[in-house]
């Protein structure tokens, strides 16, 4: 049922500056795993974003330019009807 609900929905909907995002694929070369959550800090080009990965104390350990296809915007509110 979930797959049916998601079919046709773009996981990158509503990505803009300071959006909280999750990686949809791991990046082992950067020690980042699928599902890692961080904040989009810069729009570099159409569909390309700079994402800052930081520890709980706020120290950045990775800053990467990533294409929209590698990111999923996270939402904390239900869809307005």
N, C-alpha and C. Protein backbone atom coordinates (compact mmCIF):
# COMPACT_ATOMS: atom_id res chain seq x y z
N UNK A 1 0.81 -1.19 0.00
CA UNK A 1 0.00 0.00 0.00
C UNK A 1 0.87 1.27 0.00
N UNK A 2 1.94 1.30 0.80
CA UNK A 2 2.80 2.48 0.84
C UNK A 2 3.35 2.77 -0.54
N UNK A 3 3.86 1.75 -1.24
CA UNK A 3 4.40 1.95 -2.58
C UNK A 3 3.37 2.55 -3.51
N UNK A 4 2.13 2.12 -3.38
CA UNK A 4 1.06 2.65 -4.21
C UNK A 4 0.81 4.12 -3.87
N UNK A 5 0.88 4.48 -2.59
CA UNK A 5 0.68 5.86 -2.19
C UNK A 5 1.81 6.76 -2.70
N UNK A 6 3.03 6.24 -2.72
CA UNK A 6 4.18 7.04 -3.13
C UNK A 6 4.33 7.11 -4.65
N UNK A 7 3.72 6.18 -5.37
CA UNK A 7 3.87 6.15 -6.83
C UNK A 7 3.43 7.50 -7.40
N UNK A 8 4.28 8.07 -8.22
CA UNK A 8 3.96 9.34 -8.83
C UNK A 8 4.36 10.55 -8.00
N UNK A 9 4.75 10.33 -6.74
CA UNK A 9 5.20 11.45 -5.90
C UNK A 9 6.71 11.56 -6.01
N UNK A 10 7.19 12.77 -6.15
CA UNK A 10 8.62 13.02 -6.25
C UNK A 10 9.17 13.22 -4.85
N UNK A 11 10.18 12.42 -4.46
CA UNK A 11 10.76 12.53 -3.13
C UNK A 11 11.47 13.86 -2.92
N UNK A 12 11.77 14.58 -4.02
CA UNK A 12 12.49 15.84 -3.89
C UNK A 12 11.53 17.03 -3.84
N UNK A 13 10.22 16.81 -3.77
CA UNK A 13 9.26 17.91 -3.67
C UNK A 13 9.63 18.83 -2.51
N UNK A 14 9.51 20.11 -2.74
CA UNK A 14 9.68 21.13 -1.72
C UNK A 14 11.09 21.25 -1.16
N UNK A 15 12.10 20.91 -1.95
CA UNK A 15 13.47 21.12 -1.48
C UNK A 15 13.84 22.56 -1.75
N UNK A 16 14.19 23.25 -0.69
CA UNK A 16 14.66 24.63 -0.77
C UNK A 16 15.66 24.85 0.35
N UNK A 17 16.23 26.03 0.40
CA UNK A 17 17.23 26.36 1.40
C UNK A 17 16.75 26.00 2.81
N UNK A 18 17.60 25.34 3.59
CA UNK A 18 17.37 24.91 4.97
C UNK A 18 16.37 23.77 5.13
N UNK A 19 16.02 23.11 4.03
CA UNK A 19 15.16 21.93 4.11
C UNK A 19 15.94 20.80 4.78
N UNK A 20 15.28 20.06 5.66
CA UNK A 20 15.88 18.87 6.26
C UNK A 20 15.68 17.73 5.26
N UNK A 21 16.78 17.07 4.93
CA UNK A 21 16.75 16.02 3.91
C UNK A 21 17.41 14.75 4.43
N UNK A 22 17.12 13.66 3.75
CA UNK A 22 17.77 12.38 4.05
C UNK A 22 18.37 11.84 2.76
N UNK A 23 19.49 11.15 2.88
CA UNK A 23 20.10 10.50 1.71
C UNK A 23 19.28 9.29 1.32
N UNK A 24 19.02 9.13 0.04
CA UNK A 24 18.29 7.94 -0.41
C UNK A 24 19.24 6.80 -0.77
N UNK A 25 20.53 7.10 -0.87
CA UNK A 25 21.58 6.11 -1.09
C UNK A 25 22.76 6.45 -0.19
N UNK A 26 23.46 5.44 0.27
CA UNK A 26 24.64 5.66 1.08
C UNK A 26 25.82 6.16 0.24
N UNK A 27 26.73 6.86 0.87
CA UNK A 27 27.96 7.33 0.23
C UNK A 27 29.13 6.86 1.07
N UNK A 28 29.50 5.59 0.94
CA UNK A 28 30.52 5.02 1.80
C UNK A 28 31.88 5.71 1.71
N UNK A 29 32.20 6.32 0.58
CA UNK A 29 33.48 7.04 0.46
C UNK A 29 33.53 8.24 1.40
N UNK A 30 32.36 8.70 1.84
CA UNK A 30 32.27 9.85 2.76
C UNK A 30 31.77 9.43 4.15
N UNK A 31 31.71 8.12 4.40
CA UNK A 31 31.21 7.56 5.66
C UNK A 31 29.76 7.99 5.94
N UNK A 32 28.95 8.10 4.91
CA UNK A 32 27.55 8.48 5.06
C UNK A 32 26.68 7.31 4.64
N UNK A 33 25.67 7.03 5.43
CA UNK A 33 24.80 5.90 5.15
C UNK A 33 23.43 6.34 4.63
N UNK A 34 22.78 5.43 3.94
CA UNK A 34 21.42 5.69 3.45
C UNK A 34 20.55 6.09 4.64
N UNK A 35 19.75 7.14 4.47
CA UNK A 35 18.87 7.60 5.54
C UNK A 35 19.49 8.66 6.43
N UNK A 36 20.77 8.96 6.23
CA UNK A 36 21.42 10.00 7.03
C UNK A 36 20.67 11.32 6.83
N UNK A 37 20.39 12.00 7.92
CA UNK A 37 19.58 13.22 7.91
C UNK A 37 20.45 14.44 8.18
N UNK A 38 20.25 15.48 7.36
CA UNK A 38 20.97 16.73 7.53
C UNK A 38 20.21 17.87 6.87
N UNK A 39 20.86 19.02 6.80
CA UNK A 39 20.21 20.24 6.32
C UNK A 39 20.83 20.71 5.01
N UNK A 40 19.97 21.10 4.09
CA UNK A 40 20.42 21.68 2.84
C UNK A 40 20.81 23.13 3.11
N UNK A 41 22.05 23.50 2.80
CA UNK A 41 22.52 24.84 3.16
C UNK A 41 22.74 25.77 1.98
N UNK A 42 22.72 25.24 0.77
CA UNK A 42 22.93 26.11 -0.39
C UNK A 42 22.33 25.46 -1.64
N UNK A 43 21.73 26.28 -2.47
CA UNK A 43 21.28 25.83 -3.79
C UNK A 43 22.40 26.22 -4.74
N UNK A 44 23.08 25.21 -5.31
CA UNK A 44 24.24 25.48 -6.16
C UNK A 44 23.86 25.68 -7.63
N UNK A 45 22.86 24.96 -8.07
CA UNK A 45 22.38 25.04 -9.45
C UNK A 45 21.01 24.37 -9.47
N UNK A 46 20.36 24.41 -10.59
CA UNK A 46 19.06 23.76 -10.70
C UNK A 46 19.21 22.27 -10.42
N UNK A 47 18.64 21.79 -9.32
CA UNK A 47 18.69 20.38 -8.98
C UNK A 47 19.98 19.93 -8.31
N UNK A 48 20.84 20.86 -7.90
CA UNK A 48 22.08 20.51 -7.20
C UNK A 48 22.16 21.35 -5.93
N UNK A 49 22.41 20.65 -4.81
CA UNK A 49 22.36 21.30 -3.50
C UNK A 49 23.59 20.97 -2.67
N UNK A 50 24.00 21.92 -1.84
CA UNK A 50 25.07 21.65 -0.88
C UNK A 50 24.41 21.25 0.44
N UNK A 51 24.81 20.11 0.95
CA UNK A 51 24.23 19.57 2.18
C UNK A 51 25.34 19.48 3.22
N UNK A 52 25.04 19.99 4.42
CA UNK A 52 26.00 19.95 5.52
C UNK A 52 25.63 18.81 6.47
N UNK A 53 26.59 17.94 6.72
CA UNK A 53 26.42 16.86 7.68
C UNK A 53 27.23 17.23 8.91
N UNK A 54 26.59 17.23 10.08
CA UNK A 54 27.29 17.64 11.30
C UNK A 54 26.93 16.70 12.46
N UNK A 55 27.79 16.72 13.48
CA UNK A 55 27.55 15.89 14.65
C UNK A 55 26.57 16.59 15.60
N UNK A 56 26.15 15.93 16.68
CA UNK A 56 25.18 16.53 17.60
C UNK A 56 25.65 17.85 18.24
N UNK A 57 26.96 18.09 18.24
CA UNK A 57 27.49 19.35 18.78
C UNK A 57 27.54 20.45 17.72
N UNK A 58 27.11 20.14 16.50
CA UNK A 58 27.08 21.12 15.43
C UNK A 58 28.34 21.25 14.62
N UNK A 59 29.33 20.36 14.85
CA UNK A 59 30.57 20.39 14.08
C UNK A 59 30.38 19.66 12.76
N UNK A 60 30.60 20.37 11.66
CA UNK A 60 30.43 19.77 10.34
C UNK A 60 31.53 18.74 10.09
N UNK A 61 31.14 17.57 9.59
CA UNK A 61 32.12 16.56 9.23
C UNK A 61 32.08 16.24 7.74
N UNK A 62 31.09 16.76 7.03
CA UNK A 62 31.04 16.61 5.58
C UNK A 62 30.16 17.71 5.00
N UNK A 63 30.60 18.24 3.87
CA UNK A 63 29.84 19.23 3.11
C UNK A 63 29.91 18.76 1.67
N UNK A 64 28.79 18.37 1.10
CA UNK A 64 28.79 17.78 -0.23
C UNK A 64 27.79 18.45 -1.14
N UNK A 65 28.17 18.56 -2.42
CA UNK A 65 27.23 18.98 -3.46
C UNK A 65 26.55 17.70 -3.96
N UNK A 66 25.24 17.66 -3.84
CA UNK A 66 24.49 16.45 -4.19
C UNK A 66 23.33 16.77 -5.12
N UNK A 67 23.06 15.87 -6.09
CA UNK A 67 21.92 16.08 -6.97
C UNK A 67 20.61 15.78 -6.23
N UNK A 68 19.55 16.41 -6.65
CA UNK A 68 18.24 16.24 -6.02
C UNK A 68 17.82 14.77 -5.95
N UNK A 69 18.21 13.97 -6.93
CA UNK A 69 17.81 12.55 -6.96
C UNK A 69 18.36 11.76 -5.80
N UNK A 70 19.40 12.26 -5.14
CA UNK A 70 20.02 11.56 -4.01
C UNK A 70 19.42 11.97 -2.68
N UNK A 71 18.45 12.90 -2.72
CA UNK A 71 17.90 13.46 -1.49
C UNK A 71 16.40 13.25 -1.40
N UNK A 72 15.92 13.15 -0.17
CA UNK A 72 14.49 13.08 0.08
C UNK A 72 14.17 14.14 1.13
N UNK A 73 13.27 15.07 0.78
CA UNK A 73 12.84 16.09 1.74
C UNK A 73 12.03 15.41 2.84
N UNK A 74 12.27 15.80 4.08
CA UNK A 74 11.51 15.25 5.21
C UNK A 74 10.44 16.25 5.61
N UNK A 75 9.29 15.72 5.98
CA UNK A 75 8.14 16.56 6.31
C UNK A 75 7.66 16.21 7.72
N UNK A 76 7.29 17.20 8.48
CA UNK A 76 6.85 17.00 9.86
C UNK A 76 5.38 17.28 10.05
N UNK A 77 4.69 17.64 8.98
CA UNK A 77 3.26 17.95 9.03
C UNK A 77 2.55 17.12 7.98
N UNK A 78 1.29 16.77 8.20
CA UNK A 78 0.54 16.05 7.17
C UNK A 78 0.28 16.96 5.97
N UNK A 79 -0.02 16.36 4.83
CA UNK A 79 -0.37 17.12 3.63
C UNK A 79 -1.68 17.85 3.87
N UNK A 80 -1.68 19.13 3.56
CA UNK A 80 -2.92 19.91 3.73
C UNK A 80 -3.96 19.45 2.72
N UNK A 81 -5.18 19.34 3.18
CA UNK A 81 -6.24 18.89 2.26
C UNK A 81 -7.16 20.02 1.90
